[in-house]
């Protein structure tokens, strides 16, 4: 086997760098929409949390009304 020369090593490294650069470009293209996705998911999660809080609040109000109605019904 012939020993590698500096030129051969540089060509090999250059080829590997070119290959890695291509892979990075592919990753960049695939992930460029992630910030939008994360933003939309954050909005959706915010709406879900808000909806749950609202339902909890409304459930307490309904229970309060129900107990008031029961007390009124018992007096009638």
PDB file of N, CA and C in Angstrom:
ATOM      1  N   UNK A   1       0.838  -1.172   0.000  1.00  0.00           N
ATOM      2  CA  UNK A   1       0.000   0.000   0.000  1.00  0.00           C
ATOM      3  C   UNK A   1       0.890   1.244   0.000  1.00  0.00           C
ATOM      4  N   UNK A   2       0.561   2.162  -0.876  1.00  0.00           N
ATOM      5  CA  UNK A   2       1.341   3.387  -1.039  1.00  0.00           C
ATOM      6  C   UNK A   2       0.987   4.356   0.094  1.00  0.00           C
ATOM      7  N   UNK A   3       1.997   4.964   0.735  1.00  0.00           N
ATOM      8  CA  UNK A   3       1.698   5.921   1.809  1.00  0.00           C
ATOM      9  C   UNK A   3       1.009   7.160   1.237  1.00  0.00           C
ATOM     10  N   UNK A   4       0.104   7.686   2.029  1.00  0.00           N
ATOM     11  CA  UNK A   4      -0.643   8.865   1.571  1.00  0.00           C
ATOM     12  C   UNK A   4       0.241  10.099   1.616  1.00  0.00           C
ATOM     13  N   UNK A   5       0.107  10.888   0.590  1.00  0.00           N
ATOM     14  CA  UNK A   5       0.831  12.153   0.554  1.00  0.00           C
ATOM     15  C   UNK A   5      -0.056  13.234   1.142  1.00  0.00           C
ATOM     16  N   UNK A   6       0.545  14.357   1.421  1.00  0.00           N
ATOM     17  CA  UNK A   6      -0.222  15.491   1.953  1.00  0.00           C
ATOM     18  C   UNK A   6      -1.330  15.893   0.989  1.00  0.00           C
ATOM     19  N   UNK A   7      -1.025  15.829  -0.282  1.00  0.00           N
ATOM     20  CA  UNK A   7      -2.020  16.190  -1.300  1.00  0.00           C
ATOM     21  C   UNK A   7      -3.212  15.238  -1.236  1.00  0.00           C
ATOM     22  N   UNK A   8      -2.917  13.932  -1.105  1.00  0.00           N
ATOM     23  CA  UNK A   8      -3.997  12.950  -1.014  1.00  0.00           C
ATOM     24  C   UNK A   8      -4.849  13.173   0.238  1.00  0.00           C
ATOM     25  N   UNK A   9      -4.182  13.465   1.343  1.00  0.00           N
ATOM     26  CA  UNK A   9      -4.907  13.731   2.586  1.00  0.00           C
ATOM     27  C   UNK A   9      -5.800  14.963   2.462  1.00  0.00           C
ATOM     28  N   UNK A  10      -5.244  16.018   1.846  1.00  0.00           N
ATOM     29  CA  UNK A  10      -6.029  17.238   1.658  1.00  0.00           C
ATOM     30  C   UNK A  10      -7.225  16.997   0.739  1.00  0.00           C
ATOM     31  N   UNK A  11      -7.039  16.224  -0.301  1.00  0.00           N
ATOM     32  CA  UNK A  11      -8.141  15.905  -1.205  1.00  0.00           C
ATOM     33  C   UNK A  11      -9.220  15.096  -0.475  1.00  0.00           C
ATOM     34  N   UNK A  12      -8.792  14.162   0.354  1.00  0.00           N
ATOM     35  CA  UNK A  12      -9.732  13.355   1.117  1.00  0.00           C
ATOM     36  C   UNK A  12     -10.523  14.226   2.094  1.00  0.00           C
ATOM     37  N   UNK A  13      -9.809  15.080   2.812  1.00  0.00           N
ATOM     38  CA  UNK A  13     -10.482  15.985   3.765  1.00  0.00           C
ATOM     39  C   UNK A  13     -11.412  16.934   3.030  1.00  0.00           C
ATOM     40  N   UNK A  14     -10.974  17.444   1.900  1.00  0.00           N
ATOM     41  CA  UNK A  14     -11.797  18.349   1.103  1.00  0.00           C
ATOM     42  C   UNK A  14     -13.081  17.655   0.650  1.00  0.00           C
ATOM     43  N   UNK A  15     -12.967  16.411   0.215  1.00  0.00           N
ATOM     44  CA  UNK A  15     -14.147  15.647  -0.197  1.00  0.00           C
ATOM     45  C   UNK A  15     -15.103  15.419   0.954  1.00  0.00           C
ATOM     46  N   UNK A  16     -14.544  15.123   2.130  1.00  0.00           N
ATOM     47  CA  UNK A  16     -15.396  14.918   3.303  1.00  0.00           C
ATOM     48  C   UNK A  16     -16.110  16.206   3.706  1.00  0.00           C
ATOM     49  N   UNK A  17     -15.392  17.329   3.633  1.00  0.00           N
ATOM     50  CA  UNK A  17     -16.010  18.621   3.959  1.00  0.00           C
ATOM     51  C   UNK A  17     -17.134  18.961   2.983  1.00  0.00           C
ATOM     52  N   UNK A  18     -16.922  18.665   1.721  1.00  0.00           N
ATOM     53  CA  UNK A  18     -17.957  18.905   0.713  1.00  0.00           C
ATOM     54  C   UNK A  18     -19.189  18.053   1.022  1.00  0.00           C
ATOM     55  N   UNK A  19     -18.968  16.792   1.363  1.00  0.00           N
ATOM     56  CA  UNK A  19     -20.062  15.876   1.698  1.00  0.00           C
ATOM     57  C   UNK A  19     -20.821  16.394   2.932  1.00  0.00           C
ATOM     58  N   UNK A  20     -20.086  16.803   3.966  1.00  0.00           N
ATOM     59  CA  UNK A  20     -20.720  17.316   5.183  1.00  0.00           C
ATOM     60  C   UNK A  20     -21.501  18.600   4.910  1.00  0.00           C
ATOM     61  N   UNK A  21     -20.948  19.456   4.079  1.00  0.00           N
ATOM     62  CA  UNK A  21     -21.634  20.700   3.731  1.00  0.00           C
ATOM     63  C   UNK A  21     -22.953  20.415   3.024  1.00  0.00           C
ATOM     64  N   UNK A  22     -22.949  19.434   2.129  1.00  0.00           N
ATOM     65  CA  UNK A  22     -24.196  19.035   1.461  1.00  0.00           C
ATOM     66  C   UNK A  22     -25.218  18.531   2.468  1.00  0.00           C
ATOM     67  N   UNK A  23     -24.764  17.722   3.436  1.00  0.00           N
ATOM     68  CA  UNK A  23     -25.669  17.195   4.460  1.00  0.00           C
ATOM     69  C   UNK A  23     -26.242  18.317   5.317  1.00  0.00           C
ATOM     70  N   UNK A  24     -25.421  19.309   5.639  1.00  0.00           N
ATOM     71  CA  UNK A  24     -25.890  20.455   6.427  1.00  0.00           C
ATOM     72  C   UNK A  24     -26.945  21.236   5.643  1.00  0.00           C
ATOM     73  N   UNK A  25     -26.725  21.419   4.357  1.00  0.00           N
ATOM     74  CA  UNK A  25     -27.712  22.103   3.519  1.00  0.00           C
ATOM     75  C   UNK A  25     -29.048  21.356   3.514  1.00  0.00           C
ATOM     76  N   UNK A  26     -28.988  20.025   3.446  1.00  0.00           N
ATOM     77  CA  UNK A  26     -30.218  19.224   3.466  1.00  0.00           C
ATOM     78  C   UNK A  26     -30.933  19.400   4.801  1.00  0.00           C
ATOM     79  N   UNK A  27     -30.182  19.364   5.893  1.00  0.00           N
ATOM     80  CA  UNK A  27     -30.777  19.559   7.225  1.00  0.00           C
ATOM     81  C   UNK A  27     -31.388  20.950   7.326  1.00  0.00           C
ATOM     82  N   UNK A  28     -30.700  21.961   6.838  1.00  0.00           N
ATOM     83  CA  UNK A  28     -31.226  23.328   6.872  1.00  0.00           C
ATOM     84  C   UNK A  28     -32.554  23.433   6.122  1.00  0.00           C
ATOM     85  N   UNK A  29     -32.632  22.810   4.953  1.00  0.00           N
ATOM     86  CA  UNK A  29     -33.863  22.860   4.168  1.00  0.00           C
ATOM     87  C   UNK A  29     -35.004  22.156   4.884  1.00  0.00           C
ATOM     88  N   UNK A  30     -34.695  21.032   5.538  1.00  0.00           N
ATOM     89  CA  UNK A  30     -35.733  20.268   6.239  1.00  0.00           C
ATOM     90  C   UNK A  30     -36.217  20.971   7.495  1.00  0.00           C
ATOM     91  N   UNK A  31     -35.365  21.742   8.135  1.00  0.00           N
ATOM     92  CA  UNK A  31     -35.721  22.346   9.428  1.00  0.00           C
ATOM     93  C   UNK A  31     -36.106  23.820   9.335  1.00  0.00           C
ATOM     94  N   UNK A  32     -36.127  24.387   8.142  1.00  0.00           N
ATOM     95  CA  UNK A  32     -36.421  25.821   8.048  1.00  0.00           C
ATOM     96  C   UNK A  32     -37.850  26.152   8.457  1.00  0.00           C
ATOM     97  N   UNK A  33     -38.754  25.186   8.414  1.00  0.00           N
ATOM     98  CA  UNK A  33     -40.140  25.453   8.810  1.00  0.00           C
ATOM     99  C   UNK A  33     -40.391  25.186  10.291  1.00  0.00           C
ATOM    100  N   UNK A  34     -39.421  24.683  11.021  1.00  0.00           N
ATOM    101  CA  UNK A  34     -39.624  24.367  12.437  1.00  0.00           C
ATOM    102  C   UNK A  34     -40.027  25.575  13.279  1.00  0.00           C
ATOM    103  N   UNK A  35     -39.395  26.750  13.119  1.00  0.00           N
ATOM    104  CA  UNK A  35     -39.835  27.885  13.948  1.00  0.00           C
ATOM    105  C   UNK A  35     -41.332  28.192  13.785  1.00  0.00           C
ATOM    106  N   UNK A  36     -41.844  28.147  12.550  1.00  0.00           N
ATOM    107  CA  UNK A  36     -43.274  28.373  12.330  1.00  0.00           C
ATOM    108  C   UNK A  36     -44.092  27.288  13.023  1.00  0.00           C
ATOM    109  N   UNK A  37     -43.642  26.058  12.912  1.00  0.00           N
ATOM    110  CA  UNK A  37     -44.343  24.944  13.538  1.00  0.00           C
ATOM    111  C   UNK A  37     -44.388  25.135  15.048  1.00  0.00           C
ATOM    112  N   UNK A  38     -43.253  25.473  15.645  1.00  0.00           N
ATOM    113  CA  UNK A  38     -43.207  25.678  17.092  1.00  0.00           C
ATOM    114  C   UNK A  38     -44.123  26.834  17.505  1.00  0.00           C
ATOM    115  N   UNK A  39     -44.135  27.898  16.718  1.00  0.00           N
ATOM    116  CA  UNK A  39     -44.989  29.040  17.030  1.00  0.00           C
ATOM    117  C   UNK A  39     -46.467  28.637  17.002  1.00  0.00           C
ATOM    118  N   UNK A  40     -46.848  27.884  15.991  1.00  0.00           N
ATOM    119  CA  UNK A  40     -48.243  27.444  15.883  1.00  0.00           C
ATOM    120  C   UNK A  40     -48.610  26.460  16.987  1.00  0.00           C
ATOM    121  N   UNK A  41     -47.691  25.583  17.334  1.00  0.00           N
ATOM    122  CA  UNK A  41     -47.954  24.636  18.418  1.00  0.00           C
ATOM    123  C   UNK A  41     -48.093  25.397  19.741  1.00  0.00           C
ATOM    124  N   UNK A  42     -47.241  26.401  19.960  1.00  0.00           N
ATOM    125  CA  UNK A  42     -47.334  27.206  21.178  1.00  0.00           C
ATOM    126  C   UNK A  42     -48.695  27.896  21.269  1.00  0.00           C
ATOM    127  N   UNK A  43     -49.172  28.438  20.148  1.00  0.00           N
ATOM    128  CA  UNK A  43     -50.482  29.084  20.143  1.00  0.00           C
ATOM    129  C   UNK A  43     -51.583  28.081  20.469  1.00  0.00           C
ATOM    130  N   UNK A  44     -51.500  26.904  19.864  1.00  0.00           N
ATOM    131  CA  UNK A  44     -52.497  25.866  20.103  1.00  0.00           C
ATOM    132  C   UNK A  44     -52.493  25.432  21.568  1.00  0.00           C
ATOM    133  N   UNK A  45     -51.321  25.213  22.115  1.00  0.00           N
ATOM    134  CA  UNK A  45     -51.216  24.813  23.521  1.00  0.00           C
ATOM    135  C   UNK A  45     -51.785  25.919  24.413  1.00  0.00           C
ATOM    136  N   UNK A  46     -51.505  27.162  24.081  1.00  0.00           N
ATOM    137  CA  UNK A  46     -52.044  28.286  24.850  1.00  0.00           C
ATOM    138  C   UNK A  46     -53.562  28.287  24.834  1.00  0.00           C
ATOM    139  N   UNK A  47     -54.141  28.030  23.671  1.00  0.00           N
ATOM    140  CA  UNK A  47     -55.600  27.986  23.576  1.00  0.00           C
ATOM    141  C   UNK A  47     -56.167  26.815  24.362  1.00  0.00           C
ATOM    142  N   UNK A  48     -55.500  25.690  24.339  1.00  0.00           N
ATOM    143  CA  UNK A  48     -55.966  24.522  25.099  1.00  0.00           C
ATOM    144  C   UNK A  48     -55.940  24.824  26.596  1.00  0.00           C
ATOM    145  N   UNK A  49     -54.854  25.413  27.060  1.00  0.00           N
ATOM    146  CA  UNK A  49     -54.740  25.752  28.479  1.00  0.00           C
ATOM    147  C   UNK A  49     -55.823  26.751  28.870  1.00  0.00           C
ATOM    148  N   UNK A  50     -56.007  27.771  28.026  1.00  0.00           N
ATOM    149  CA  UNK A  50     -57.037  28.784  28.298  1.00  0.00           C
ATOM    150  C   UNK A  50     -58.421  28.147  28.344  1.00  0.00           C
ATOM    151  N   UNK A  51     -58.692  27.239  27.409  1.00  0.00           N
ATOM    152  CA  UNK A  51     -59.981  26.565  27.369  1.00  0.00           C
ATOM    153  C   UNK A  51     -60.200  25.734  28.622  1.00  0.00           C
ATOM    154  N   UNK A  52     -59.189  25.029  29.084  1.00  0.00           N
ATOM    155  CA  UNK A  52     -59.307  24.218  30.300  1.00  0.00           C
ATOM    156  C   UNK A  52     -59.568  25.096  31.518  1.00  0.00           C
ATOM    157  N   UNK A  53     -58.869  26.221  31.590  1.00  0.00           N
ATOM    158  CA  UNK A  53     -59.078  27.134  32.715  1.00  0.00           C
ATOM    159  C   UNK A  53     -60.501  27.688  32.695  1.00  0.00           C
ATOM    160  N   UNK A  54     -60.981  28.028  31.511  1.00  0.00           N
ATOM    161  CA  UNK A  54     -62.334  28.553  31.381  1.00  0.00           C
ATOM    162  C   UNK A  54     -63.363  27.493  31.779  1.00  0.00           C
ATOM    163  N   UNK A  55     -63.153  26.261  31.350  1.00  0.00           N
ATOM    164  CA  UNK A  55     -64.079  25.181  31.703  1.00  0.00           C
ATOM    165  C   UNK A  55     -64.088  24.945  33.209  1.00  0.00           C
ATOM    166  N   UNK A  56     -62.926  25.019  33.840  1.00  0.00           N
ATOM    167  CA  UNK A  56     -62.851  24.844  35.289  1.00  0.00           C
ATOM    168  C   UNK A  56     -63.635  25.944  35.990  1.00  0.00           C
ATOM    169  N   UNK A  57     -63.450  27.166  35.523  1.00  0.00           N
ATOM    170  CA  UNK A  57     -64.172  28.306  36.102  1.00  0.00           C
ATOM    171  C   UNK A  57     -65.676  28.155  35.904  1.00  0.00           C
ATOM    172  N   UNK A  58     -66.067  27.780  34.697  1.00  0.00           N
ATOM    173  CA  UNK A  58     -67.494  27.622  34.416  1.00  0.00           C
ATOM    174  C   UNK A  58     -68.086  26.462  35.221  1.00  0.00           C
ATOM    175  N   UNK A  59     -67.331  25.409  35.416  1.00  0.00           N
ATOM    176  CA  UNK A  59     -67.800  24.272  36.192  1.00  0.00           C
ATOM    177  C   UNK A  59     -68.083  24.692  37.634  1.00  0.00           C
ATOM    178  N   UNK A  60     -67.228  25.535  38.201  1.00  0.00           N
ATOM    179  CA  UNK A  60     -67.452  26.039  39.556  1.00  0.00           C
ATOM    180  C   UNK A  60     -68.723  26.871  39.612  1.00  0.00           C
ATOM    181  N   UNK A  61     -68.917  27.710  38.592  1.00  0.00           N
ATOM    182  CA  UNK A  61     -70.141  28.529  38.547  1.00  0.00           C
ATOM    183  C   UNK A  61     -71.388  27.650  38.440  1.00  0.00           C
ATOM    184  N   UNK A  62     -71.321  26.625  37.610  1.00  0.00           N
ATOM    185  CA  UNK A  62     -72.462  25.723  37.432  1.00  0.00           C
ATOM    186  C   UNK A  62     -72.761  25.004  38.742  1.00  0.00           C
ATOM    187  N   UNK A  63     -71.741  24.554  39.430  1.00  0.00           N
ATOM    188  CA  UNK A  63     -71.954  23.888  40.712  1.00  0.00           C
ATOM    189  C   UNK A  63     -72.586  24.847  41.716  1.00  0.00           C
ATOM    190  N   UNK A  64     -72.142  26.091  41.710  1.00  0.00           N
ATOM    191  CA  UNK A  64     -72.713  27.100  42.606  1.00  0.00           C
ATOM    192  C   UNK A  64     -74.190  27.308  42.280  1.00  0.00           C
ATOM    193  N   UNK A  65     -74.522  27.435  40.997  1.00  0.00           N
ATOM    194  CA  UNK A  65     -75.914  27.617  40.589  1.00  0.00           C
ATOM    195  C   UNK A  65     -76.748  26.398  40.961  1.00  0.00           C
ATOM    196  N   UNK A  66     -76.162  25.222  40.767  1.00  0.00           N
ATOM    197  CA  UNK A  66     -76.884  23.995  41.077  1.00  0.00           C
ATOM    198  C   UNK A  66     -77.212  23.924  42.569  1.00  0.00           C
ATOM    199  N   UNK A  67     -76.270  24.258  43.397  1.00  0.00           N
ATOM    200  CA  UNK A  67     -76.539  24.212  44.846  1.00  0.00           C
ATOM    201  C   UNK A  67     -77.575  25.259  45.242  1.00  0.00           C
ATOM    202  N   UNK A  68     -77.531  26.430  44.610  1.00  0.00           N
ATOM    203  CA  UNK A  68     -78.544  27.463  44.903  1.00  0.00           C
ATOM    204  C   UNK A  68     -79.923  27.014  44.457  1.00  0.00           C
ATOM    205  N   UNK A  69     -80.014  26.366  43.291  1.00  0.00           N
ATOM    206  CA  UNK A  69     -81.301  25.875  42.799  1.00  0.00           C
ATOM    207  C   UNK A  69     -81.845  24.778  43.708  1.00  0.00           C
ATOM    208  N   UNK A  70     -80.995  23.893  44.164  1.00  0.00           N
ATOM    209  CA  UNK A  70     -81.445  22.832  45.060  1.00  0.00           C
ATOM    210  C   UNK A  70     -81.999  23.407  46.359  1.00  0.00           C
ATOM    211  N   UNK A  71     -81.329  24.446  46.876  1.00  0.00           N
ATOM    212  CA  UNK A  71     -81.820  25.041  48.122  1.00  0.00           C
ATOM    213  C   UNK A  71     -83.156  25.747  47.892  1.00  0.00           C
ATOM    214  N   UNK A  72     -83.300  26.391  46.711  1.00  0.00           N
ATOM    215  CA  UNK A  72     -84.583  27.035  46.396  1.00  0.00           C
ATOM    216  C   UNK A  72     -85.676  26.001  46.193  1.00  0.00           C
ATOM    217  N   UNK A  73     -85.372  24.913  45.527  1.00  0.00           N
ATOM    218  CA  UNK A  73     -86.347  23.851  45.298  1.00  0.00           C
ATOM    219  C   UNK A  73     -86.816  23.215  46.616  1.00  0.00           C
ATOM    220  N   UNK A  74     -85.893  23.091  47.549  1.00  0.00           N
ATOM    221  CA  UNK A  74     -86.266  22.488  48.827  1.00  0.00           C
ATOM    222  C   UNK A  74     -87.190  23.392  49.628  1.00  0.00           C
ATOM    223  N   UNK A  75     -87.121  24.678  49.379  1.00  0.00           N
ATOM    224  CA  UNK A  75     -87.979  25.625  50.098  1.00  0.00           C
ATOM    225  C   UNK A  75     -89.354  25.738  49.453  1.00  0.00           C
ATOM    226  N   UNK A  76     -89.478  25.342  48.218  1.00  0.00           N
ATOM    227  CA  UNK A  76     -90.775  25.454  47.522  1.00  0.00           C
ATOM    228  C   UNK A  76     -91.674  24.306  47.877  1.00  0.00           C
TER     229      UNK A  76
END
